[in-house]
PDB file of all heavy atoms in Angstrom:
ATOM      1  N   HIS A   1      10.973 -57.681  35.814  1.00  0.00           N
ATOM      2  CA  HIS A   1      11.403 -58.854  35.035  1.00  0.00           C
ATOM      3  C   HIS A   1      11.393 -58.553  33.544  1.00  0.00           C
ATOM      4  O   HIS A   1      12.188 -59.115  32.782  1.00  0.00           O
ATOM      5  CB  HIS A   1      10.480 -60.030  35.348  1.00  0.00           C
ATOM      6  CG  HIS A   1      10.390 -60.323  36.798  1.00  0.00           C
ATOM      7  ND1 HIS A   1      11.414 -60.955  37.499  1.00  0.00           N
ATOM      8  CD2 HIS A   1       9.426 -60.042  37.735  1.00  0.00           C
ATOM      9  CE1 HIS A   1      11.078 -61.059  38.768  1.00  0.00           C
ATOM     10  NE2 HIS A   1       9.885 -60.501  38.936  1.00  0.00           N
ATOM     11  N   LEU A   2      10.538 -57.651  33.121  1.00  0.00           N
ATOM     12  CA  LEU A   2      10.468 -57.256  31.729  1.00  0.00           C
ATOM     13  C   LEU A   2      11.604 -56.301  31.368  1.00  0.00           C
ATOM     14  O   LEU A   2      12.286 -56.482  30.359  1.00  0.00           O
ATOM     15  CB  LEU A   2       9.106 -56.594  31.464  1.00  0.00           C
ATOM     16  CG  LEU A   2       8.763 -56.169  30.043  1.00  0.00           C
ATOM     17  CD1 LEU A   2       8.891 -57.325  29.075  1.00  0.00           C
ATOM     18  CD2 LEU A   2       7.367 -55.582  29.999  1.00  0.00           C
ATOM     19  N   VAL A   3      11.808 -55.314  32.215  1.00  0.00           N
ATOM     20  CA  VAL A   3      12.808 -54.296  31.912  1.00  0.00           C
ATOM     21  C   VAL A   3      14.234 -54.855  31.972  1.00  0.00           C
ATOM     22  O   VAL A   3      15.104 -54.438  31.198  1.00  0.00           O
ATOM     23  CB  VAL A   3      12.644 -53.086  32.852  1.00  0.00           C
ATOM     24  CG1 VAL A   3      13.793 -52.086  32.679  1.00  0.00           C
ATOM     25  CG2 VAL A   3      11.306 -52.399  32.589  1.00  0.00           C
ATOM     26  N   GLU A   4      14.463 -55.827  32.846  1.00  0.00           N
ATOM     27  CA  GLU A   4      15.804 -56.363  32.975  1.00  0.00           C
ATOM     28  C   GLU A   4      16.251 -57.106  31.717  1.00  0.00           C
ATOM     29  O   GLU A   4      17.447 -57.366  31.528  1.00  0.00           O
ATOM     30  CB  GLU A   4      15.916 -57.280  34.199  1.00  0.00           C
ATOM     31  CG  GLU A   4      15.234 -58.622  34.049  1.00  0.00           C
ATOM     32  CD  GLU A   4      15.419 -59.511  35.266  1.00  0.00           C
ATOM     33  OE1 GLU A   4      16.029 -59.043  36.245  1.00  0.00           O
ATOM     34  OE2 GLU A   4      14.942 -60.658  35.249  1.00  0.00           O
ATOM     35  N   ARG A   5      15.303 -57.460  30.854  1.00  0.00           N
ATOM     36  CA  ARG A   5      15.651 -58.119  29.585  1.00  0.00           C
ATOM     37  C   ARG A   5      16.232 -57.147  28.566  1.00  0.00           C
ATOM     38  O   ARG A   5      16.797 -57.557  27.550  1.00  0.00           O
ATOM     39  CB  ARG A   5      14.391 -58.787  28.989  1.00  0.00           C
ATOM     40  CG  ARG A   5      13.837 -59.945  29.794  1.00  0.00           C
ATOM     41  CD  ARG A   5      14.784 -61.123  29.811  1.00  0.00           C
ATOM     42  NE  ARG A   5      14.227 -62.272  30.479  1.00  0.00           N
ATOM     43  CZ  ARG A   5      13.658 -63.298  29.855  1.00  0.00           C
ATOM     44  NH1 ARG A   5      13.570 -63.304  28.542  1.00  0.00           N
ATOM     45  NH2 ARG A   5      13.185 -64.327  30.527  1.00  0.00           N
ATOM     46  N   GLY A   6      16.067 -55.843  28.824  1.00  0.00           N
ATOM     47  CA  GLY A   6      16.556 -54.835  27.889  1.00  0.00           C
ATOM     48  C   GLY A   6      17.940 -54.338  28.270  1.00  0.00           C
ATOM     49  O   GLY A   6      18.690 -54.973  29.012  1.00  0.00           O
ATOM     50  N   ARG A   7      18.267 -53.170  27.758  1.00  0.00           N
ATOM     51  CA  ARG A   7      19.557 -52.563  28.034  1.00  0.00           C
ATOM     52  C   ARG A   7      19.645 -52.094  29.475  1.00  0.00           C
ATOM     53  O   ARG A   7      18.630 -51.780  30.089  1.00  0.00           O
ATOM     54  CB  ARG A   7      19.771 -51.337  27.118  1.00  0.00           C
ATOM     55  CG  ARG A   7      19.783 -51.622  25.633  1.00  0.00           C
ATOM     56  CD  ARG A   7      19.864 -50.308  24.856  1.00  0.00           C
ATOM     57  NE  ARG A   7      19.853 -50.559  23.426  1.00  0.00           N
ATOM     58  CZ  ARG A   7      20.907 -50.855  22.693  1.00  0.00           C
ATOM     59  NH1 ARG A   7      22.098 -50.924  23.277  1.00  0.00           N
ATOM     60  NH2 ARG A   7      20.802 -51.060  21.398  1.00  0.00           N
ATOM     61  N   PRO A   8      20.863 -52.011  30.051  1.00  0.00           N
ATOM     62  CA  PRO A   8      21.002 -51.289  31.308  1.00  0.00           C
ATOM     63  C   PRO A   8      20.542 -49.851  31.083  1.00  0.00           C
ATOM     64  O   PRO A   8      20.596 -49.341  29.964  1.00  0.00           O
ATOM     65  CB  PRO A   8      22.492 -51.388  31.629  1.00  0.00           C
ATOM     66  CG  PRO A   8      23.144 -51.733  30.341  1.00  0.00           C
ATOM     67  CD  PRO A   8      22.150 -52.517  29.550  1.00  0.00           C
ATOM     68  N   ILE A   9      20.077 -49.208  32.129  1.00  0.00           N
ATOM     69  CA  ILE A   9      19.461 -47.899  31.936  1.00  0.00           C
ATOM     70  C   ILE A   9      20.476 -46.764  31.853  1.00  0.00           C
ATOM     71  O   ILE A   9      20.421 -45.956  30.924  1.00  0.00           O
ATOM     72  CB  ILE A   9      18.443 -47.615  33.066  1.00  0.00           C
ATOM     73  CG1 ILE A   9      17.286 -48.621  32.979  1.00  0.00           C
ATOM     74  CG2 ILE A   9      17.905 -46.175  32.968  1.00  0.00           C
ATOM     75  CD1 ILE A   9      16.296 -48.532  34.128  1.00  0.00           C
ATOM     76  N   ARG A  10      21.386 -46.695  32.784  1.00  0.00           N
ATOM     77  CA  ARG A  10      22.276 -45.521  32.883  1.00  0.00           C
ATOM     78  C   ARG A  10      23.634 -45.759  32.220  1.00  0.00           C
ATOM     79  O   ARG A  10      24.150 -46.876  32.187  1.00  0.00           O
ATOM     80  CB  ARG A  10      22.463 -45.123  34.348  1.00  0.00           C
ATOM     81  CG  ARG A  10      21.210 -44.534  34.957  1.00  0.00           C
ATOM     82  CD  ARG A  10      21.461 -43.868  36.274  1.00  0.00           C
ATOM     83  NE  ARG A  10      20.271 -43.162  36.754  1.00  0.00           N
ATOM     84  CZ  ARG A  10      19.980 -41.907  36.465  1.00  0.00           C
ATOM     85  NH1 ARG A  10      20.813 -41.206  35.682  1.00  0.00           N
ATOM     86  NH2 ARG A  10      18.878 -41.324  36.933  1.00  0.00           N
ATOM     87  N   SER A  11      24.231 -44.645  31.780  1.00  0.00           N
ATOM     88  CA  SER A  11      25.522 -44.696  31.091  1.00  0.00           C
ATOM     89  C   SER A  11      26.636 -45.211  31.990  1.00  0.00           C
ATOM     90  O   SER A  11      27.652 -45.709  31.495  1.00  0.00           O
ATOM     91  CB  SER A  11      25.903 -43.301  30.591  1.00  0.00           C
ATOM     92  OG  SER A  11      25.016 -42.878  29.596  1.00  0.00           O
ATOM     93  N   SER A  12      26.440 -45.152  33.287  1.00  0.00           N
ATOM     94  CA  SER A  12      27.449 -45.665  34.231  1.00  0.00           C
ATOM     95  C   SER A  12      27.636 -47.181  34.074  1.00  0.00           C
ATOM     96  O   SER A  12      28.626 -47.741  34.532  1.00  0.00           O
ATOM     97  CB  SER A  12      27.061 -45.341  35.675  1.00  0.00           C
ATOM     98  OG  SER A  12      25.755 -45.813  35.957  1.00  0.00           O
ATOM     99  N   SER A  13      26.685 -47.844  33.402  1.00  0.00           N
ATOM    100  CA  SER A  13      26.782 -49.288  33.188  1.00  0.00           C
ATOM    101  C   SER A  13      27.376 -49.647  31.836  1.00  0.00           C
ATOM    102  O   SER A  13      27.460 -50.819  31.481  1.00  0.00           O
ATOM    103  CB  SER A  13      25.394 -49.928  33.293  1.00  0.00           C
ATOM    104  OG  SER A  13      24.834 -49.710  34.567  1.00  0.00           O
ATOM    105  N   ASP A  14      27.807 -48.637  31.074  1.00  0.00           N
ATOM    106  CA  ASP A  14      28.359 -48.882  29.737  1.00  0.00           C
ATOM    107  C   ASP A  14      29.646 -49.708  29.799  1.00  0.00           C
ATOM    108  O   ASP A  14      30.436 -49.590  30.737  1.00  0.00           O
ATOM    109  CB  ASP A  14      28.667 -47.562  29.023  1.00  0.00           C
ATOM    110  CG  ASP A  14      27.429 -46.879  28.494  1.00  0.00           C
ATOM    111  OD1 ASP A  14      26.420 -47.554  28.304  1.00  0.00           O
ATOM    112  OD2 ASP A  14      27.501 -45.657  28.267  1.00  0.00           O
ATOM    113  N   SER A  15      29.850 -50.500  28.784  1.00  0.00           N
ATOM    114  CA  SER A  15      31.107 -51.234  28.594  1.00  0.00           C
ATOM    115  C   SER A  15      31.246 -51.502  27.106  1.00  0.00           C
ATOM    116  O   SER A  15      30.308 -51.270  26.347  1.00  0.00           O
ATOM    117  CB  SER A  15      31.083 -52.564  29.369  1.00  0.00           C
ATOM    118  OG  SER A  15      30.221 -53.492  28.717  1.00  0.00           O
ATOM    119  N   PRO A  16      32.395 -51.986  26.650  1.00  0.00           N
ATOM    120  CA  PRO A  16      32.517 -52.331  25.238  1.00  0.00           C
ATOM    121  C   PRO A  16      31.497 -53.353  24.763  1.00  0.00           C
ATOM    122  O   PRO A  16      31.221 -53.445  23.559  1.00  0.00           O
ATOM    123  CB  PRO A  16      33.951 -52.873  25.145  1.00  0.00           C
ATOM    124  CG  PRO A  16      34.680 -52.206  26.254  1.00  0.00           C
ATOM    125  CD  PRO A  16      33.670 -52.121  27.364  1.00  0.00           C
ATOM    126  N   LEU A  17      30.930 -54.122  25.704  1.00  0.00           N
ATOM    127  CA  LEU A  17      29.974 -55.172  25.320  1.00  0.00           C
ATOM    128  C   LEU A  17      28.532 -54.795  25.631  1.00  0.00           C
ATOM    129  O   LEU A  17      27.628 -55.548  25.282  1.00  0.00           O
ATOM    130  CB  LEU A  17      30.338 -56.462  26.050  1.00  0.00           C
ATOM    131  CG  LEU A  17      31.718 -57.061  25.735  1.00  0.00           C
ATOM    132  CD1 LEU A  17      31.959 -58.304  26.573  1.00  0.00           C
ATOM    133  CD2 LEU A  17      31.851 -57.372  24.250  1.00  0.00           C
ATOM    134  N   ALA A  18      28.312 -53.680  26.300  1.00  0.00           N
ATOM    135  CA  ALA A  18      26.948 -53.294  26.678  1.00  0.00           C
ATOM    136  C   ALA A  18      26.769 -51.791  26.574  1.00  0.00           C
ATOM    137  O   ALA A  18      27.563 -51.026  27.148  1.00  0.00           O
ATOM    138  CB  ALA A  18      26.638 -53.762  28.103  1.00  0.00           C
ATOM    139  N   THR A  19      25.771 -51.384  25.826  1.00  0.00           N
ATOM    140  CA  THR A  19      25.444 -49.959  25.663  1.00  0.00           C
ATOM    141  C   THR A  19      24.147 -49.676  26.400  1.00  0.00           C
ATOM    142  O   THR A  19      23.117 -50.307  26.131  1.00  0.00           O
ATOM    143  CB  THR A  19      25.283 -49.601  24.180  1.00  0.00           C
ATOM    144  OG1 THR A  19      26.466 -49.922  23.478  1.00  0.00           O
ATOM    145  CG2 THR A  19      24.985 -48.102  24.018  1.00  0.00           C
ATOM    146  N   SER A  20      24.182 -48.745  27.340  1.00  0.00           N
ATOM    147  CA  SER A  20      22.992 -48.418  28.116  1.00  0.00           C
ATOM    148  C   SER A  20      21.958 -47.691  27.270  1.00  0.00           C
ATOM    149  O   SER A  20      22.243 -47.132  26.207  1.00  0.00           O
ATOM    150  CB  SER A  20      23.373 -47.518  29.292  1.00  0.00           C
ATOM    151  OG  SER A  20      23.829 -46.260  28.801  1.00  0.00           O
ATOM    152  N   LEU A  21      20.729 -47.687  27.786  1.00  0.00           N
ATOM    153  CA  LEU A  21      19.664 -46.963  27.115  1.00  0.00           C
ATOM    154  C   LEU A  21      19.998 -45.471  27.072  1.00  0.00           C
ATOM    155  O   LEU A  21      19.736 -44.793  26.068  1.00  0.00           O
ATOM    156  CB  LEU A  21      18.362 -47.183  27.842  1.00  0.00           C
ATOM    157  CG  LEU A  21      17.148 -46.476  27.242  1.00  0.00           C
ATOM    158  CD1 LEU A  21      15.932 -47.399  27.274  1.00  0.00           C
ATOM    159  CD2 LEU A  21      16.823 -45.176  27.979  1.00  0.00           C
ATOM    160  N   GLU A  22      20.569 -44.933  28.145  1.00  0.00           N
ATOM    161  CA  GLU A  22      20.903 -43.514  28.208  1.00  0.00           C
ATOM    162  C   GLU A  22      21.909 -43.144  27.118  1.00  0.00           C
ATOM    163  O   GLU A  22      21.741 -42.158  26.397  1.00  0.00           O
ATOM    164  CB  GLU A  22      21.468 -43.151  29.578  1.00  0.00           C
ATOM    165  CG  GLU A  22      21.804 -41.683  29.729  1.00  0.00           C
ATOM    166  CD  GLU A  22      22.352 -41.357  31.106  1.00  0.00           C
ATOM    167  OE1 GLU A  22      22.701 -42.288  31.882  1.00  0.00           O
ATOM    168  OE2 GLU A  22      22.442 -40.152  31.442  1.00  0.00           O
ATOM    169  N   THR A  23      22.941 -43.969  26.950  1.00  0.00           N
ATOM    170  CA  THR A  23      23.940 -43.697  25.941  1.00  0.00           C
ATOM    171  C   THR A  23      23.384 -43.873  24.522  1.00  0.00           C
ATOM    172  O   THR A  23      23.666 -43.076  23.624  1.00  0.00           O
ATOM    173  CB  THR A  23      25.156 -44.622  26.146  1.00  0.00           C
ATOM    174  OG1 THR A  23      25.803 -44.258  27.370  1.00  0.00           O
ATOM    175  CG2 THR A  23      26.156 -44.539  24.999  1.00  0.00           C
ATOM    176  N   TYR A  24      22.567 -44.921  24.348  1.00  0.00           N
ATOM    177  CA  TYR A  24      21.929 -45.142  23.043  1.00  0.00           C
ATOM    178  C   TYR A  24      21.069 -43.952  22.682  1.00  0.00           C
ATOM    179  O   TYR A  24      21.126 -43.437  21.551  1.00  0.00           O
ATOM    180  CB  TYR A  24      21.081 -46.407  23.105  1.00  0.00           C
ATOM    181  CG  TYR A  24      20.484 -46.823  21.764  1.00  0.00           C
ATOM    182  CD1 TYR A  24      21.093 -47.769  20.963  1.00  0.00           C
ATOM    183  CD2 TYR A  24      19.296 -46.238  21.321  1.00  0.00           C
ATOM    184  CE1 TYR A  24      20.558 -48.146  19.738  1.00  0.00           C
ATOM    185  CE2 TYR A  24      18.747 -46.588  20.100  1.00  0.00           C
ATOM    186  CZ  TYR A  24      19.375 -47.553  19.317  1.00  0.00           C
ATOM    187  OH  TYR A  24      18.828 -47.892  18.088  1.00  0.00           O
ATOM    188  N   LEU A  25      20.259 -43.481  23.629  1.00  0.00           N
ATOM    189  CA  LEU A  25      19.375 -42.355  23.380  1.00  0.00           C
ATOM    190  C   LEU A  25      20.156 -41.093  23.040  1.00  0.00           C
ATOM    191  O   LEU A  25      19.849 -40.398  22.081  1.00  0.00           O
ATOM    192  CB  LEU A  25      18.490 -42.108  24.600  1.00  0.00           C
ATOM    193  CG  LEU A  25      17.565 -40.891  24.538  1.00  0.00           C
ATOM    194  CD1 LEU A  25      16.573 -41.018  23.383  1.00  0.00           C
ATOM    195  CD2 LEU A  25      16.821 -40.711  25.858  1.00  0.00           C
ATOM    196  N   LYS A  26      21.188 -40.784  23.820  1.00  0.00           N
ATOM    197  CA  LYS A  26      21.968 -39.578  23.554  1.00  0.00           C
ATOM    198  C   LYS A  26      22.669 -39.675  22.197  1.00  0.00           C
ATOM    199  O   LYS A  26      22.812 -38.667  21.491  1.00  0.00           O
ATOM    200  CB  LYS A  26      22.993 -39.364  24.672  1.00  0.00           C
ATOM    201  CG  LYS A  26      22.370 -38.847  25.963  1.00  0.00           C
ATOM    202  CD  LYS A  26      23.436 -38.514  26.982  1.00  0.00           C
ATOM    203  CE  LYS A  26      22.824 -37.867  28.224  1.00  0.00           C
ATOM    204  NZ  LYS A  26      23.851 -37.489  29.235  1.00  0.00           N
ATOM    205  N   GLY A  27      23.097 -40.883  21.824  1.00  0.00           N
ATOM    206  CA  GLY A  27      23.702 -41.058  20.509  1.00  0.00           C
ATOM    207  C   GLY A  27      22.738 -40.741  19.405  1.00  0.00           C
ATOM    208  O   GLY A  27      23.055 -40.060  18.429  1.00  0.00           O
ATOM    209  N   GLU A  28      21.500 -41.235  19.566  1.00  0.00           N
ATOM    210  CA  GLU A  28      20.477 -40.976  18.537  1.00  0.00           C
ATOM    211  C   GLU A  28      20.076 -39.510  18.523  1.00  0.00           C
ATOM    212  O   GLU A  28      19.960 -38.895  17.452  1.00  0.00           O
ATOM    213  CB  GLU A  28      19.248 -41.849  18.775  1.00  0.00           C
ATOM    214  CG  GLU A  28      18.187 -41.655  17.720  1.00  0.00           C
ATOM    215  CD  GLU A  28      17.154 -42.769  17.664  1.00  0.00           C
ATOM    216  OE1 GLU A  28      17.530 -43.942  17.867  1.00  0.00           O
ATOM    217  OE2 GLU A  28      15.978 -42.460  17.412  1.00  0.00           O
TER     218      GLU A  28
END
């Protein structure tokens, strides 16, 4: 319930409106 409030985890969930944690991390 806590984690679902954050970003989706994997890049496969990316969209123009949602950036996954994996994509955010790789970008940084």
